[in-house]
Amino acid sequence: MRHNCAQAKCAIPVSGILDQKGAVAGPFLSAQYTILYGAGVGKRRKARMNTAMQTRFTISTAGPGLYEFTRQLSDWVQGDGLLTLFVRHTSCSLLIQENADPDVQVDLRNFFHRLVPPTTDPGMGYLTHTHEGPDDMPAHIKAAMLPVSLSIPVLDGRPQLGTWQGVYLFEHRNAPHSRQVAAHLG
């Protein structure tokens, strides 16, 4: 059984014994290998297998803004796999965003506040869900516009984020909250 890859770079997990050309030979075994194509033609490495790991991260917020928790994630992950994050609330969201210049975070917060102002703004008079405060329904709208889950590849125990990327909880409410982010690494 041979794999033909049309892309310049791809990694395909294959179970079994590999011949010199990267073809699967013989019966499937429990060992897992990754065949690297493109720049690494002919290179093979044994992939580390993870059993699924799960945890919850608690992030304390003090009002609207982006709260980075990249370091906590990096300290927790191990091996190779796909990290899935899911925020367990309806008035905040998750982002991968630049972590080098704090002005990016300020601008994002200000942009979304301008895009979806509080219910006290005359332009928001059409909203009916107002009994939990002027920031509540706008927080739900922002959370509906932004991701509440993220997927991040993990290789050799490190999230495969870019140089200037960080993982953030984006709080949309004015009051302090204790937010939970469920994490699954498999």
N, C-alpha and C. Protein backbone atom coordinates (compact mmCIF):
# COMPACT_ATOMS: atom_id res chain seq x y z
N MET A 1 0.86 -1.17 0.00
CA MET A 1 0.00 0.00 0.00
C MET A 1 0.90 1.23 0.00
N ARG A 2 0.76 2.10 -0.97
CA ARG A 2 1.60 3.28 -1.12
C ARG A 2 0.78 4.54 -0.94
N HIS A 3 1.42 5.56 -0.42
CA HIS A 3 0.75 6.85 -0.30
C HIS A 3 1.36 7.79 -1.33
N ASN A 4 0.52 8.39 -2.14
CA ASN A 4 0.97 9.40 -3.08
C ASN A 4 0.48 10.75 -2.59
N CYS A 5 1.41 11.64 -2.31
CA CYS A 5 1.05 12.95 -1.79
C CYS A 5 1.32 14.01 -2.85
N ALA A 6 0.28 14.73 -3.25
CA ALA A 6 0.41 15.75 -4.28
C ALA A 6 0.94 17.06 -3.70
N GLN A 7 0.85 17.22 -2.38
CA GLN A 7 1.30 18.47 -1.76
C GLN A 7 2.81 18.43 -1.53
N ALA A 8 3.41 19.61 -1.48
CA ALA A 8 4.85 19.70 -1.25
C ALA A 8 5.23 19.24 0.15
N LYS A 9 4.38 19.51 1.13
CA LYS A 9 4.67 19.12 2.50
C LYS A 9 3.43 18.51 3.11
N CYS A 10 3.55 17.32 3.64
CA CYS A 10 2.46 16.75 4.41
C CYS A 10 3.03 15.69 5.34
N ALA A 11 2.33 15.41 6.40
CA ALA A 11 2.73 14.35 7.32
C ALA A 11 1.53 13.45 7.50
N ILE A 12 1.73 12.16 7.25
CA ILE A 12 0.63 11.22 7.31
C ILE A 12 0.98 10.10 8.27
N PRO A 13 0.18 9.91 9.33
CA PRO A 13 0.45 8.80 10.23
C PRO A 13 0.06 7.48 9.57
N VAL A 14 0.96 6.51 9.67
CA VAL A 14 0.73 5.21 9.06
C VAL A 14 1.11 4.15 10.08
N SER A 15 0.30 3.13 10.24
CA SER A 15 0.65 2.03 11.13
C SER A 15 1.19 0.89 10.29
N GLY A 16 2.29 0.30 10.73
CA GLY A 16 2.84 -0.84 10.03
C GLY A 16 4.34 -0.75 9.89
N ILE A 17 4.90 -1.61 9.07
CA ILE A 17 6.32 -1.63 8.80
C ILE A 17 6.55 -0.87 7.51
N LEU A 18 7.53 0.03 7.50
CA LEU A 18 7.79 0.85 6.33
C LEU A 18 9.00 0.30 5.59
N ASP A 19 8.89 0.20 4.26
CA ASP A 19 10.06 -0.20 3.48
C ASP A 19 10.94 1.03 3.23
N GLN A 20 12.04 0.90 2.51
CA GLN A 20 12.98 1.99 2.28
C GLN A 20 12.37 3.18 1.57
N LYS A 21 11.30 3.00 0.81
CA LYS A 21 10.67 4.09 0.08
C LYS A 21 9.47 4.67 0.81
N GLY A 22 9.22 4.23 2.02
CA GLY A 22 8.12 4.78 2.79
C GLY A 22 6.80 4.08 2.56
N ALA A 23 6.80 2.96 1.87
CA ALA A 23 5.56 2.23 1.63
C ALA A 23 5.26 1.33 2.82
N VAL A 24 4.00 1.12 3.10
CA VAL A 24 3.60 0.22 4.17
C VAL A 24 3.75 -1.20 3.66
N ALA A 25 4.46 -2.02 4.41
CA ALA A 25 4.66 -3.41 4.01
C ALA A 25 4.23 -4.33 5.14
N GLY A 26 3.62 -5.42 4.80
CA GLY A 26 3.24 -6.41 5.80
C GLY A 26 2.00 -6.03 6.58
N PRO A 27 1.66 -6.83 7.60
CA PRO A 27 0.46 -6.59 8.39
C PRO A 27 0.63 -5.34 9.25
N PHE A 28 -0.51 -4.73 9.59
CA PHE A 28 -0.46 -3.54 10.44
C PHE A 28 -0.08 -3.94 11.85
N LEU A 29 0.81 -3.16 12.44
CA LEU A 29 1.28 -3.40 13.79
C LEU A 29 0.89 -2.21 14.67
N SER A 30 1.26 -2.25 15.93
CA SER A 30 0.85 -1.19 16.83
C SER A 30 1.78 0.02 16.78
N ALA A 31 2.96 -0.09 16.19
CA ALA A 31 3.86 1.05 16.12
C ALA A 31 3.28 2.12 15.20
N GLN A 32 3.48 3.36 15.54
CA GLN A 32 2.99 4.46 14.70
C GLN A 32 4.19 5.25 14.20
N TYR A 33 4.17 5.55 12.90
CA TYR A 33 5.23 6.33 12.28
C TYR A 33 4.61 7.48 11.53
N THR A 34 5.40 8.51 11.30
CA THR A 34 4.98 9.62 10.47
C THR A 34 5.94 9.70 9.31
N ILE A 35 5.42 9.66 8.09
CA ILE A 35 6.24 9.80 6.90
C ILE A 35 6.24 11.27 6.54
N LEU A 36 7.40 11.86 6.40
CA LEU A 36 7.50 13.28 6.05
C LEU A 36 7.81 13.38 4.57
N TYR A 37 7.01 14.15 3.85
CA TYR A 37 7.21 14.36 2.42
C TYR A 37 7.66 15.80 2.19
N GLY A 38 8.07 16.11 1.01
CA GLY A 38 8.50 17.46 0.67
C GLY A 38 9.94 17.65 1.06
N ALA A 39 10.20 18.69 1.87
CA ALA A 39 11.58 19.01 2.25
C ALA A 39 12.25 17.87 2.99
N GLY A 40 11.50 17.03 3.64
CA GLY A 40 12.10 15.94 4.42
C GLY A 40 11.91 14.59 3.76
N VAL A 41 11.95 14.50 2.43
CA VAL A 41 11.71 13.23 1.73
C VAL A 41 12.65 12.17 2.26
N GLY A 42 12.09 11.04 2.59
CA GLY A 42 12.88 9.90 3.05
C GLY A 42 13.15 9.90 4.54
N LYS A 43 12.85 11.01 5.23
CA LYS A 43 13.08 11.06 6.67
C LYS A 43 11.85 10.51 7.39
N ARG A 44 12.11 9.67 8.37
CA ARG A 44 11.02 9.11 9.16
C ARG A 44 11.37 9.26 10.63
N ARG A 45 10.37 9.46 11.43
CA ARG A 45 10.60 9.48 12.87
C ARG A 45 9.45 8.76 13.54
N LYS A 46 9.76 8.14 14.65
CA LYS A 46 8.71 7.49 15.40
C LYS A 46 7.91 8.55 16.14
N ALA A 47 6.61 8.57 15.95
CA ALA A 47 5.75 9.56 16.60
C ALA A 47 5.46 9.13 18.03
N ARG A 48 5.44 10.10 18.94
CA ARG A 48 5.06 9.81 20.31
C ARG A 48 3.55 9.74 20.40
N MET A 49 3.05 8.69 20.98
CA MET A 49 1.61 8.54 21.11
C MET A 49 1.17 9.04 22.49
N ASN A 50 0.16 9.84 22.51
CA ASN A 50 -0.43 10.31 23.76
C ASN A 50 -1.68 9.52 24.05
N THR A 51 -1.92 9.30 25.31
CA THR A 51 -3.28 8.92 25.67
C THR A 51 -3.98 10.26 25.84
N ALA A 52 -5.27 10.28 25.68
CA ALA A 52 -6.00 11.54 25.78
C ALA A 52 -5.85 12.11 27.18
N MET A 53 -5.62 13.40 27.24
CA MET A 53 -5.51 14.11 28.51
C MET A 53 -6.57 15.21 28.51
N GLN A 54 -7.14 15.48 29.68
CA GLN A 54 -8.13 16.54 29.80
C GLN A 54 -7.91 17.30 31.09
N THR A 55 -8.23 18.59 31.04
CA THR A 55 -8.17 19.42 32.24
C THR A 55 -9.05 20.64 32.01
N ARG A 56 -9.16 21.47 33.04
CA ARG A 56 -9.84 22.76 32.92
C ARG A 56 -8.90 23.83 33.45
N PHE A 57 -8.82 24.91 32.70
CA PHE A 57 -8.07 26.08 33.14
C PHE A 57 -9.06 27.10 33.66
N THR A 58 -8.75 27.71 34.80
CA THR A 58 -9.59 28.76 35.36
C THR A 58 -8.87 30.09 35.16
N ILE A 59 -9.56 31.03 34.54
CA ILE A 59 -8.98 32.33 34.23
C ILE A 59 -9.83 33.40 34.92
N SER A 60 -9.20 34.16 35.79
CA SER A 60 -9.88 35.25 36.48
C SER A 60 -9.79 36.51 35.63
N THR A 61 -10.93 37.17 35.45
CA THR A 61 -10.97 38.39 34.65
C THR A 61 -11.41 39.56 35.53
N ALA A 62 -11.05 40.76 35.10
CA ALA A 62 -11.39 41.97 35.85
C ALA A 62 -12.12 42.96 34.95
N GLY A 63 -12.88 42.45 34.00
CA GLY A 63 -13.60 43.32 33.07
C GLY A 63 -13.20 43.02 31.65
N PRO A 64 -13.74 43.77 30.69
CA PRO A 64 -13.49 43.49 29.28
C PRO A 64 -12.00 43.53 28.93
N GLY A 65 -11.60 42.60 28.08
CA GLY A 65 -10.21 42.58 27.63
C GLY A 65 -9.75 41.18 27.32
N LEU A 66 -8.51 41.09 26.86
CA LEU A 66 -7.90 39.81 26.51
C LEU A 66 -6.97 39.36 27.63
N TYR A 67 -7.13 38.11 28.05
CA TYR A 67 -6.36 37.53 29.14
C TYR A 67 -5.59 36.34 28.59
N GLU A 68 -4.27 36.50 28.51
CA GLU A 68 -3.44 35.45 27.91
C GLU A 68 -3.22 34.30 28.88
N PHE A 69 -3.34 33.06 28.37
CA PHE A 69 -3.02 31.89 29.18
C PHE A 69 -2.17 30.89 28.40
N THR A 70 -1.34 31.40 27.49
CA THR A 70 -0.44 30.56 26.70
C THR A 70 0.53 29.78 27.58
N ARG A 71 1.11 30.44 28.56
CA ARG A 71 2.10 29.77 29.43
C ARG A 71 1.48 28.59 30.18
N GLN A 72 0.26 28.76 30.70
CA GLN A 72 -0.38 27.66 31.41
C GLN A 72 -0.61 26.47 30.47
N LEU A 73 -1.03 26.76 29.22
CA LEU A 73 -1.21 25.69 28.24
C LEU A 73 0.11 24.98 27.95
N SER A 74 1.15 25.78 27.71
CA SER A 74 2.46 25.22 27.37
C SER A 74 3.00 24.35 28.50
N ASP A 75 2.75 24.75 29.74
CA ASP A 75 3.21 23.95 30.89
C ASP A 75 2.45 22.63 31.01
N TRP A 76 1.24 22.59 30.51
CA TRP A 76 0.40 21.40 30.66
C TRP A 76 0.59 20.38 29.53
N VAL A 77 0.75 20.83 28.29
CA VAL A 77 0.79 19.89 27.16
C VAL A 77 2.06 19.06 27.18
N GLN A 78 1.98 17.88 26.55
CA GLN A 78 3.13 17.00 26.40
C GLN A 78 2.92 16.11 25.19
N GLY A 79 4.01 15.59 24.66
CA GLY A 79 3.91 14.68 23.51
C GLY A 79 3.45 15.38 22.25
N ASP A 80 2.81 14.61 21.39
CA ASP A 80 2.28 15.09 20.11
C ASP A 80 0.78 14.90 20.11
N GLY A 81 0.06 15.77 19.44
CA GLY A 81 -1.39 15.60 19.34
C GLY A 81 -2.06 16.89 18.93
N LEU A 82 -3.36 16.92 19.14
CA LEU A 82 -4.15 18.10 18.83
C LEU A 82 -4.81 18.58 20.12
N LEU A 83 -4.52 19.83 20.48
CA LEU A 83 -5.10 20.45 21.67
C LEU A 83 -6.38 21.15 21.26
N THR A 84 -7.47 20.78 21.90
CA THR A 84 -8.76 21.43 21.68
C THR A 84 -9.13 22.18 22.94
N LEU A 85 -9.49 23.44 22.78
CA LEU A 85 -9.91 24.29 23.90
C LEU A 85 -11.35 24.71 23.67
N PHE A 86 -12.12 24.77 24.76
CA PHE A 86 -13.53 25.16 24.69
C PHE A 86 -13.88 25.98 25.92
N VAL A 87 -14.36 27.21 25.72
CA VAL A 87 -14.75 28.04 26.84
C VAL A 87 -16.18 27.68 27.25
N ARG A 88 -16.40 27.52 28.55
CA ARG A 88 -17.67 27.00 29.06
C ARG A 88 -18.64 28.12 29.46
N HIS A 89 -18.61 29.22 28.72
CA HIS A 89 -19.46 30.37 29.04
C HIS A 89 -19.98 30.99 27.75
N THR A 90 -21.08 31.76 27.85
CA THR A 90 -21.71 32.34 26.65
C THR A 90 -21.46 33.83 26.49
N SER A 91 -20.61 34.41 27.35
CA SER A 91 -20.36 35.84 27.24
C SER A 91 -18.86 36.16 27.20
N CYS A 92 -18.07 35.21 26.73
CA CYS A 92 -16.64 35.42 26.48
C CYS A 92 -16.25 34.49 25.33
N SER A 93 -15.05 34.64 24.83
CA SER A 93 -14.63 33.84 23.68
C SER A 93 -13.13 33.55 23.78
N LEU A 94 -12.62 32.80 22.82
CA LEU A 94 -11.20 32.44 22.76
C LEU A 94 -10.59 32.98 21.48
N LEU A 95 -9.34 33.41 21.56
CA LEU A 95 -8.64 33.92 20.39
C LEU A 95 -7.19 33.50 20.41
N ILE A 96 -6.63 33.31 19.22
CA ILE A 96 -5.18 33.27 19.05
C ILE A 96 -4.85 34.62 18.42
N GLN A 97 -3.98 35.36 19.11
CA GLN A 97 -3.73 36.73 18.68
C GLN A 97 -2.30 37.12 19.01
N GLU A 98 -1.86 38.23 18.45
CA GLU A 98 -0.51 38.73 18.71
C GLU A 98 -0.32 39.00 20.19
N ASN A 99 0.85 38.58 20.70
CA ASN A 99 1.14 38.82 22.12
C ASN A 99 2.37 39.69 22.32
N ALA A 100 2.88 40.32 21.25
CA ALA A 100 4.08 41.15 21.37
C ALA A 100 3.74 42.59 21.73
N ASP A 101 2.71 43.14 21.15
CA ASP A 101 2.35 44.54 21.37
C ASP A 101 1.00 44.63 22.06
N PRO A 102 0.95 45.09 23.32
CA PRO A 102 -0.32 45.18 24.05
C PRO A 102 -1.35 46.09 23.39
N ASP A 103 -0.90 46.99 22.49
CA ASP A 103 -1.85 47.86 21.79
C ASP A 103 -2.82 47.06 20.93
N VAL A 104 -2.40 45.89 20.45
CA VAL A 104 -3.29 45.04 19.66
C VAL A 104 -4.49 44.63 20.51
N GLN A 105 -4.23 44.26 21.74
CA GLN A 105 -5.31 43.84 22.63
C GLN A 105 -6.26 45.00 22.95
N VAL A 106 -5.69 46.18 23.18
CA VAL A 106 -6.51 47.37 23.45
C VAL A 106 -7.37 47.69 22.23
N ASP A 107 -6.75 47.65 21.04
CA ASP A 107 -7.50 47.96 19.82
C ASP A 107 -8.61 46.95 19.56
N LEU A 108 -8.38 45.67 19.82
CA LEU A 108 -9.42 44.67 19.64
C LEU A 108 -10.58 44.92 20.60
N ARG A 109 -10.27 45.18 21.85
CA ARG A 109 -11.32 45.46 22.83
C ARG A 109 -12.13 46.68 22.41
N ASN A 110 -11.44 47.75 22.01
CA ASN A 110 -12.13 48.98 21.61
C ASN A 110 -12.96 48.78 20.34
N PHE A 111 -12.42 48.00 19.39
CA PHE A 111 -13.16 47.74 18.15
C PHE A 111 -14.48 47.02 18.44
N PHE A 112 -14.42 45.97 19.24
CA PHE A 112 -15.65 45.22 19.52
C PHE A 112 -16.62 46.01 20.40
N HIS A 113 -16.11 46.88 21.27
CA HIS A 113 -16.99 47.74 22.05
C HIS A 113 -17.73 48.73 21.13
N ARG A 114 -17.00 49.22 20.15
CA ARG A 114 -17.61 50.16 19.19
C ARG A 114 -18.59 49.43 18.26
N LEU A 115 -18.22 48.22 17.86
CA LEU A 115 -19.07 47.43 16.97
C LEU A 115 -20.37 47.01 17.66
N VAL A 116 -20.26 46.59 18.92
CA VAL A 116 -21.43 46.14 19.69
C VAL A 116 -21.42 46.89 21.03
N PRO A 117 -21.98 48.10 21.06
CA PRO A 117 -21.97 48.90 22.31
C PRO A 117 -22.98 48.35 23.33
N PRO A 118 -22.94 48.88 24.56
CA PRO A 118 -23.90 48.44 25.58
C PRO A 118 -25.33 48.80 25.20
N THR A 119 -26.27 48.19 25.87
CA THR A 119 -27.69 48.41 25.56
C THR A 119 -28.14 49.83 25.90
N THR A 120 -27.33 50.57 26.65
CA THR A 120 -27.66 51.97 26.95
C THR A 120 -27.39 52.88 25.75
N ASP A 121 -26.66 52.39 24.76
CA ASP A 121 -26.41 53.16 23.54
C ASP A 121 -27.73 53.27 22.77
N PRO A 122 -28.10 54.47 22.28
CA PRO A 122 -29.38 54.64 21.55
C PRO A 122 -29.53 53.70 20.35
N GLY A 123 -28.43 53.31 19.73
CA GLY A 123 -28.51 52.41 18.59
C GLY A 123 -28.82 50.97 18.95
N MET A 124 -28.80 50.65 20.23
CA MET A 124 -29.05 49.27 20.68
C MET A 124 -30.43 49.12 21.31
N GLY A 125 -31.30 50.09 21.12
CA GLY A 125 -32.62 50.08 21.73
C GLY A 125 -33.51 48.93 21.29
N TYR A 126 -33.18 48.26 20.22
CA TYR A 126 -33.99 47.13 19.73
C TYR A 126 -33.80 45.86 20.55
N LEU A 127 -32.76 45.80 21.39
CA LEU A 127 -32.49 44.59 22.17
C LEU A 127 -33.51 44.43 23.30
N THR A 128 -33.96 43.22 23.54
CA THR A 128 -34.95 42.96 24.58
C THR A 128 -34.36 42.27 25.81
N HIS A 129 -33.24 41.57 25.66
CA HIS A 129 -32.60 40.89 26.79
C HIS A 129 -31.70 41.91 27.50
N THR A 130 -32.28 42.63 28.43
CA THR A 130 -31.55 43.72 29.10
C THR A 130 -31.55 43.59 30.62
N HIS A 131 -32.25 42.60 31.18
CA HIS A 131 -32.40 42.52 32.63
C HIS A 131 -31.13 42.09 33.37
N GLU A 132 -30.09 41.61 32.66
CA GLU A 132 -28.83 41.23 33.33
C GLU A 132 -27.77 42.31 33.22
N GLY A 133 -28.15 43.48 32.77
CA GLY A 133 -27.21 44.59 32.69
C GLY A 133 -26.95 45.02 31.25
N PRO A 134 -26.49 46.25 31.08
CA PRO A 134 -26.30 46.79 29.73
C PRO A 134 -25.17 46.14 28.94
N ASP A 135 -24.31 45.37 29.62
CA ASP A 135 -23.21 44.71 28.92
C ASP A 135 -23.51 43.25 28.60
N ASP A 136 -24.60 42.70 29.12
CA ASP A 136 -24.85 41.26 28.98
C ASP A 136 -25.19 40.84 27.55
N MET A 137 -26.22 41.40 26.97
CA MET A 137 -26.59 41.00 25.61
C MET A 137 -25.48 41.34 24.62
N PRO A 138 -24.84 42.50 24.70
CA PRO A 138 -23.71 42.75 23.81
C PRO A 138 -22.59 41.70 23.98
N ALA A 139 -22.39 41.21 25.20
CA ALA A 139 -21.39 40.16 25.43
C ALA A 139 -21.78 38.87 24.71
N HIS A 140 -23.07 38.54 24.74
CA HIS A 140 -23.54 37.35 24.01
C HIS A 140 -23.35 37.52 22.51
N ILE A 141 -23.60 38.70 22.00
CA ILE A 141 -23.43 38.96 20.56
C ILE A 141 -21.97 38.82 20.17
N LYS A 142 -21.07 39.39 20.96
CA LYS A 142 -19.63 39.28 20.67
C LYS A 142 -19.18 37.82 20.71
N ALA A 143 -19.68 37.06 21.69
CA ALA A 143 -19.31 35.65 21.78
C ALA A 143 -19.87 34.85 20.60
N ALA A 144 -21.00 35.30 20.04
CA ALA A 144 -21.55 34.63 18.86
C ALA A 144 -20.72 34.95 17.61
N MET A 145 -20.03 36.07 17.62
CA MET A 145 -19.22 36.49 16.46
C MET A 145 -17.81 35.92 16.48
N LEU A 146 -17.32 35.55 17.64
CA LEU A 146 -15.93 35.11 17.83
C LEU A 146 -15.90 33.64 18.23
N PRO A 147 -14.75 32.98 18.07
CA PRO A 147 -14.69 31.55 18.40
C PRO A 147 -14.81 31.28 19.90
N VAL A 148 -15.47 30.19 20.22
CA VAL A 148 -15.53 29.70 21.60
C VAL A 148 -14.73 28.41 21.75
N SER A 149 -14.13 27.94 20.65
CA SER A 149 -13.24 26.79 20.71
C SER A 149 -12.08 27.01 19.74
N LEU A 150 -10.95 26.38 20.07
CA LEU A 150 -9.74 26.49 19.26
C LEU A 150 -9.11 25.11 19.15
N SER A 151 -8.40 24.87 18.05
CA SER A 151 -7.60 23.66 17.87
C SER A 151 -6.17 24.08 17.60
N ILE A 152 -5.23 23.50 18.36
CA ILE A 152 -3.82 23.86 18.23
C ILE A 152 -3.00 22.58 18.16
N PRO A 153 -2.23 22.38 17.07
CA PRO A 153 -1.35 21.21 17.01
C PRO A 153 -0.27 21.29 18.08
N VAL A 154 0.10 20.14 18.64
CA VAL A 154 1.17 20.04 19.63
C VAL A 154 2.20 19.07 19.09
N LEU A 155 3.46 19.48 19.07
CA LEU A 155 4.54 18.65 18.57
C LEU A 155 5.69 18.70 19.57
N ASP A 156 6.18 17.54 19.96
CA ASP A 156 7.28 17.45 20.93
C ASP A 156 7.00 18.25 22.20
N GLY A 157 5.74 18.20 22.65
CA GLY A 157 5.37 18.86 23.90
C GLY A 157 5.23 20.36 23.83
N ARG A 158 5.17 20.92 22.60
CA ARG A 158 5.03 22.37 22.46
C ARG A 158 3.88 22.71 21.53
N PRO A 159 3.00 23.63 21.96
CA PRO A 159 1.96 24.10 21.04
C PRO A 159 2.63 24.74 19.83
N GLN A 160 2.14 24.45 18.65
CA GLN A 160 2.76 24.94 17.42
C GLN A 160 2.21 26.31 17.05
N LEU A 161 2.42 27.27 17.94
CA LEU A 161 2.01 28.65 17.72
C LEU A 161 3.14 29.40 17.03
N GLY A 162 2.78 30.44 16.30
CA GLY A 162 3.78 31.29 15.66
C GLY A 162 4.53 32.13 16.69
N THR A 163 5.59 32.76 16.25
CA THR A 163 6.46 33.54 17.13
C THR A 163 5.71 34.55 17.97
N TRP A 164 4.77 35.26 17.39
CA TRP A 164 4.07 36.34 18.09
C TRP A 164 2.65 35.95 18.47
N GLN A 165 2.31 34.68 18.47
CA GLN A 165 0.95 34.26 18.78
C GLN A 165 0.81 33.84 20.24
N GLY A 166 -0.29 34.25 20.83
CA GLY A 166 -0.65 33.83 22.17
C GLY A 166 -2.10 33.39 22.19
N VAL A 167 -2.48 32.62 23.20
CA VAL A 167 -3.85 32.14 23.35
C VAL A 167 -4.52 32.98 24.45
N TYR A 168 -5.68 33.51 24.11
CA TYR A 168 -6.37 34.45 25.00
C TYR A 168 -7.81 34.04 25.25
N LEU A 169 -8.27 34.34 26.46
CA LEU A 169 -9.69 34.40 26.75
C LEU A 169 -10.07 35.87 26.56
N PHE A 170 -11.11 36.12 25.78
CA PHE A 170 -11.59 37.48 25.52
C PHE A 170 -12.85 37.68 26.35
N GLU A 171 -12.70 38.41 27.44
CA GLU A 171 -13.83 38.70 28.33
C GLU A 171 -14.65 39.84 27.75
N HIS A 172 -15.98 39.64 27.70
CA HIS A 172 -16.87 40.65 27.14
C HIS A 172 -17.74 41.33 28.20
N ARG A 173 -17.71 40.85 29.44
CA ARG A 173 -18.52 41.45 30.51
C ARG A 173 -17.71 42.46 31.30
N ASN A 174 -18.42 43.41 31.97
CA ASN A 174 -17.76 44.45 32.75
C ASN A 174 -17.29 43.97 34.13
N ALA A 175 -18.06 43.10 34.75
CA ALA A 175 -17.73 42.65 36.11
C ALA A 175 -16.65 41.56 36.08
N PRO A 176 -15.91 41.42 37.17
CA PRO A 176 -14.94 40.32 37.26
C PRO A 176 -15.64 38.96 37.19
N HIS A 177 -14.99 38.01 36.56
CA HIS A 177 -15.52 36.65 36.45
C HIS A 177 -14.41 35.63 36.63
N SER A 178 -14.80 34.42 36.96
CA SER A 178 -13.91 33.28 36.98
C SER A 178 -14.36 32.38 35.83
N ARG A 179 -13.56 32.33 34.77
CA ARG A 179 -13.94 31.61 33.54
C ARG A 179 -13.23 30.27 33.46
N GLN A 180 -13.92 29.27 32.94
CA GLN A 180 -13.33 27.95 32.77
C GLN A 180 -13.18 27.62 31.29
N VAL A 181 -11.98 27.13 30.96
CA VAL A 181 -11.69 26.67 29.61
C VAL A 181 -11.35 25.19 29.70
N ALA A 182 -12.17 24.35 29.06
CA ALA A 182 -11.91 22.91 29.03
C ALA A 182 -10.85 22.64 27.96
N ALA A 183 -9.91 21.75 28.29
CA ALA A 183 -8.83 21.40 27.37
C ALA A 183 -8.80 19.89 27.19
N HIS A 184 -8.59 19.47 25.94
CA HIS A 184 -8.46 18.05 25.59
C HIS A 184 -7.26 17.92 24.66
N LEU A 185 -6.33 17.07 25.03
CA LEU A 185 -5.17 16.80 24.18
C LEU A 185 -5.22 15.34 23.78
N GLY A 186 -5.32 15.08 22.51
CA GLY A 186 -5.41 13.70 22.03
C GLY A 186 -4.65 13.52 20.75
